[in-house]
Amino acid sequence: MASLIETAKLQDIDSKPYLADILSKLVNGWPTAKIDELLPWAWLSTAKPALLHDQICHQFGGSASEISCASLASAKTSSRITRIVT
């Protein structure tokens, strides 16, 4: 568990939504053949948009309800968002 949390941090992933998502998937019968998709570096490409939005908002110090799409798309944040999404 500690290894997943630290690896998530290295990938700029907020560990709480990441762990909540992957543990939920595992409990609900995630296929063993697709377990690699739950690793932190692969998770972002399969993460739900809402989780990704929450992660971006958290990194910029606000809650999801306080940060509008317009502010997320501003020039100030666009490079960090690109790094998070890719």
Protein backbone atom coordinates (compact mmCIF):
# COMPACT_ATOMS: atom_id res chain seq x y z
CA MET A 1 0.00 0.00 0.00
CA ALA A 2 2.80 2.42 0.91
CA SER A 3 4.50 1.69 -2.40
CA LEU A 4 1.32 2.56 -4.35
CA ILE A 5 0.89 5.80 -2.41
CA GLU A 6 4.49 6.91 -2.95
CA THR A 7 4.44 5.94 -6.62
CA ALA A 8 1.20 7.89 -7.05
CA LYS A 9 2.85 10.94 -5.49
CA LEU A 10 5.77 10.61 -7.90
CA GLN A 11 3.25 10.67 -10.76
CA ASP A 12 1.55 13.81 -9.31
CA ILE A 13 -1.57 11.82 -8.46
CA ASP A 14 -3.56 12.60 -5.32
CA SER A 15 -3.41 9.30 -3.47
CA LYS A 16 -6.88 9.48 -1.85
CA PRO A 17 -9.02 9.44 -5.02
CA TYR A 18 -6.54 7.09 -6.68
CA LEU A 19 -6.73 4.53 -3.87
CA ALA A 20 -10.49 4.91 -3.56
CA ASP A 21 -10.91 4.21 -7.27
CA ILE A 22 -8.56 1.25 -7.54
CA LEU A 23 -9.75 -0.39 -4.31
CA SER A 24 -13.35 -0.02 -5.48
CA LYS A 25 -12.45 -1.64 -8.80
CA LEU A 26 -10.63 -4.50 -7.09
CA VAL A 27 -13.51 -5.17 -4.67
CA ASN A 28 -15.97 -5.17 -7.56
CA GLY A 29 -14.11 -7.86 -9.50
CA TRP A 30 -11.54 -6.06 -11.65
CA PRO A 31 -10.10 -8.67 -14.07
CA THR A 32 -6.65 -9.96 -13.13
CA ALA A 33 -5.56 -9.68 -16.76
CA LYS A 34 -6.09 -5.90 -16.59
CA ILE A 35 -4.37 -5.30 -13.22
CA ASP A 36 -1.60 -3.26 -14.89
CA GLU A 37 -4.18 -0.59 -15.74
CA LEU A 38 -4.54 0.16 -12.02
CA LEU A 39 -0.89 1.05 -11.51
CA PRO A 40 -0.36 4.78 -10.96
CA TRP A 41 1.36 5.54 -14.27
CA ALA A 42 -1.41 3.80 -16.23
CA TRP A 43 -4.33 4.84 -14.04
CA LEU A 44 -4.62 8.41 -15.34
CA SER A 45 -5.48 7.20 -18.82
CA THR A 46 -8.35 5.12 -17.42
CA ALA A 47 -9.42 7.43 -14.57
CA LYS A 48 -12.92 8.78 -14.49
CA PRO A 49 -13.10 12.44 -15.61
CA ALA A 50 -14.61 13.47 -12.27
CA LEU A 51 -11.69 12.00 -10.34
CA LEU A 52 -9.24 13.73 -12.63
CA HIS A 53 -11.08 17.04 -12.21
CA ASP A 54 -11.00 16.66 -8.42
CA GLN A 55 -7.28 15.91 -8.54
CA ILE A 56 -6.58 19.01 -10.62
CA CYS A 57 -8.67 21.18 -8.31
CA HIS A 58 -6.91 19.79 -5.25
CA GLN A 59 -3.49 20.54 -6.73
CA PHE A 60 -4.50 24.16 -7.28
CA GLY A 61 -5.77 24.57 -3.73
CA GLY A 62 -9.51 24.67 -4.28
CA SER A 63 -12.47 22.39 -4.19
CA ALA A 64 -14.07 21.09 -7.38
CA SER A 65 -17.08 23.34 -6.82
CA GLU A 66 -14.91 26.48 -6.47
CA ILE A 67 -12.87 26.08 -9.63
CA SER A 68 -14.59 26.65 -12.94
CA CYS A 69 -13.65 25.15 -16.25
CA ALA A 70 -12.55 28.60 -17.38
CA SER A 71 -10.03 28.94 -14.58
CA LEU A 72 -8.69 25.45 -15.23
CA ALA A 73 -8.15 26.35 -18.87
CA SER A 74 -6.30 29.56 -18.11
CA ALA A 75 -2.77 30.03 -19.38
CA LYS A 76 -1.46 29.91 -15.82
CA THR A 77 -2.67 26.34 -15.24
CA SER A 78 -2.67 24.80 -18.71
CA SER A 79 0.90 23.44 -18.57
CA ARG A 80 0.31 21.70 -15.22
CA ILE A 81 -3.00 20.25 -16.43
CA THR A 82 -1.29 18.93 -19.55
CA ARG A 83 1.36 17.27 -17.37
CA ILE A 84 -1.33 15.69 -15.16
CA VAL A 85 -3.44 14.42 -18.04
CA THR A 86 -0.63 13.03 -20.18
